[in-house]
Amino acid sequence: MLNISTYDGDVIDNESQDYGTMNSHNGSTYAGGFYYGEYHSPGKLVIESKQYMGESFAHGKLNGKGHHLRYNILFMGNF
């Protein structure tokens, strides 16, 4: 289960389903598809202070294009 502090979206069998938005305790945000409580495409994840962003997910893991900003260097591509 995700470390969610707030969630707005559909819930089926106590799991986030379909489209929703969540904010986690660590400052991450996600808006997009959920499948049995996991990120599932399409969606957008922003971890903490916009250091990492992903757009495509399958079963809770990044699957496709995204970008990562670290030490003022932008990495873009498939993950």
C-alpha atoms as a PDB file:
ATOM      1  CA  MET A   1       0.000   0.000   0.000  1.00  0.00           C
ATOM      2  CA  LEU A   2       1.141   3.519  -0.760  1.00  0.00           C
ATOM      3  CA  ASN A   3       2.134   5.918   2.026  1.00  0.00           C
ATOM      4  CA  ILE A   4      -0.835   8.236   1.436  1.00  0.00           C
ATOM      5  CA  SER A   5      -1.803  11.153   3.642  1.00  0.00           C
ATOM      6  CA  THR A   6      -4.675  12.320   1.393  1.00  0.00           C
ATOM      7  CA  TYR A   7      -6.446  10.607  -1.510  1.00  0.00           C
ATOM      8  CA  ASP A   8      -9.331  11.809  -3.654  1.00  0.00           C
ATOM      9  CA  GLY A   9     -10.722   9.246  -6.062  1.00  0.00           C
ATOM     10  CA  ASP A  10     -12.523   5.940  -6.446  1.00  0.00           C
ATOM     11  CA  VAL A  11     -12.041   3.172  -3.905  1.00  0.00           C
ATOM     12  CA  ILE A  12     -12.948  -0.487  -4.468  1.00  0.00           C
ATOM     13  CA  ASP A  13     -12.355  -3.136  -1.781  1.00  0.00           C
ATOM     14  CA  ASN A  14     -10.426  -0.566   0.306  1.00  0.00           C
ATOM     15  CA  GLU A  15      -7.964   0.054  -2.565  1.00  0.00           C
ATOM     16  CA  SER A  16      -7.563   3.146  -4.755  1.00  0.00           C
ATOM     17  CA  GLN A  17      -8.939   2.416  -8.236  1.00  0.00           C
ATOM     18  CA  ASP A  18      -9.256   4.174 -11.575  1.00  0.00           C
ATOM     19  CA  TYR A  19      -8.412   7.910 -11.564  1.00  0.00           C
ATOM     20  CA  GLY A  20      -7.448   9.772  -8.404  1.00  0.00           C
ATOM     21  CA  THR A  21      -5.049  12.217  -6.799  1.00  0.00           C
ATOM     22  CA  MET A  22      -2.899  11.626  -3.743  1.00  0.00           C
ATOM     23  CA  ASN A  23      -0.454  13.476  -1.563  1.00  0.00           C
ATOM     24  CA  SER A  24       1.959  11.484   0.565  1.00  0.00           C
ATOM     25  CA  HIS A  25       3.539  12.282   3.909  1.00  0.00           C
ATOM     26  CA  ASN A  26       6.958  12.818   2.274  1.00  0.00           C
ATOM     27  CA  GLY A  27       5.704  15.605  -0.018  1.00  0.00           C
ATOM     28  CA  SER A  28       5.218  13.523  -3.170  1.00  0.00           C
ATOM     29  CA  THR A  29       2.116  14.020  -5.294  1.00  0.00           C
ATOM     30  CA  TYR A  30       0.492  11.772  -7.887  1.00  0.00           C
ATOM     31  CA  ALA A  31      -2.453  12.342 -10.185  1.00  0.00           C
ATOM     32  CA  GLY A  32      -3.566   9.613 -12.524  1.00  0.00           C
ATOM     33  CA  GLY A  33      -4.594   6.017 -12.779  1.00  0.00           C
ATOM     34  CA  PHE A  34      -4.595   3.558  -9.899  1.00  0.00           C
ATOM     35  CA  TYR A  35      -4.976  -0.215 -10.051  1.00  0.00           C
ATOM     36  CA  TYR A  36      -5.518  -2.029  -6.743  1.00  0.00           C
ATOM     37  CA  GLY A  37      -3.727   0.697  -4.778  1.00  0.00           C
ATOM     38  CA  GLU A  38      -0.746   1.091  -7.121  1.00  0.00           C
ATOM     39  CA  TYR A  39       0.113   3.794  -9.668  1.00  0.00           C
ATOM     40  CA  HIS A  40      -1.070   2.733 -13.104  1.00  0.00           C
ATOM     41  CA  SER A  41      -0.914   4.773 -16.325  1.00  0.00           C
ATOM     42  CA  PRO A  42      -1.581   7.361 -17.305  1.00  0.00           C
ATOM     43  CA  GLY A  43      -0.417   9.524 -14.430  1.00  0.00           C
ATOM     44  CA  LYS A  44       2.084  12.059 -13.210  1.00  0.00           C
ATOM     45  CA  LEU A  45       4.293  11.644 -10.149  1.00  0.00           C
ATOM     46  CA  VAL A  46       6.253  14.487  -8.585  1.00  0.00           C
ATOM     47  CA  ILE A  47       8.606  13.426  -5.814  1.00  0.00           C
ATOM     48  CA  GLU A  48       9.336  16.035  -3.147  1.00  0.00           C
ATOM     49  CA  SER A  49      10.531  19.336  -4.601  1.00  0.00           C
ATOM     50  CA  LYS A  50      10.046  18.412  -8.272  1.00  0.00           C
ATOM     51  CA  GLN A  51      13.323  16.493  -8.418  1.00  0.00           C
ATOM     52  CA  TYR A  52      11.717  13.610 -10.269  1.00  0.00           C
ATOM     53  CA  MET A  53       8.697  13.327 -12.513  1.00  0.00           C
ATOM     54  CA  GLY A  54       7.251  10.288 -14.245  1.00  0.00           C
ATOM     55  CA  GLU A  55       4.344   9.957 -16.608  1.00  0.00           C
ATOM     56  CA  SER A  56       3.785   6.279 -17.320  1.00  0.00           C
ATOM     57  CA  PHE A  57       3.308   3.544 -14.710  1.00  0.00           C
ATOM     58  CA  ALA A  58       2.467  -0.155 -14.596  1.00  0.00           C
ATOM     59  CA  HIS A  59       1.694  -1.951 -11.335  1.00  0.00           C
ATOM     60  CA  GLY A  60       3.220   0.775  -9.154  1.00  0.00           C
ATOM     61  CA  LYS A  61       6.496   1.158 -11.065  1.00  0.00           C
ATOM     62  CA  LEU A  62       7.676   3.709 -13.613  1.00  0.00           C
ATOM     63  CA  ASN A  63       7.254   2.251 -17.079  1.00  0.00           C
ATOM     64  CA  GLY A  64       8.064   4.637 -19.885  1.00  0.00           C
ATOM     65  CA  LYS A  65       9.142   8.226 -20.241  1.00  0.00           C
ATOM     66  CA  GLY A  66      10.019  10.532 -17.393  1.00  0.00           C
ATOM     67  CA  HIS A  67      12.618  13.000 -16.247  1.00  0.00           C
ATOM     68  CA  HIS A  68      14.816  13.439 -13.208  1.00  0.00           C
ATOM     69  CA  LEU A  69      16.350  16.719 -12.052  1.00  0.00           C
ATOM     70  CA  ARG A  70      19.341  16.371  -9.750  1.00  0.00           C
ATOM     71  CA  TYR A  71      22.135  18.843  -9.023  1.00  0.00           C
ATOM     72  CA  ASN A  72      20.700  21.109 -11.761  1.00  0.00           C
ATOM     73  CA  ILE A  73      21.205  18.365 -14.371  1.00  0.00           C
ATOM     74  CA  LEU A  74      18.081  17.182 -16.220  1.00  0.00           C
ATOM     75  CA  PHE A  75      17.941  13.524 -17.236  1.00  0.00           C
ATOM     76  CA  MET A  76      15.178  12.604 -19.713  1.00  0.00           C
ATOM     77  CA  GLY A  77      14.276   9.302 -21.276  1.00  0.00           C
ATOM     78  CA  ASN A  78      12.747   5.886 -20.785  1.00  0.00           C
ATOM     79  CA  PHE A  79      12.786   4.246 -17.377  1.00  0.00           C
END
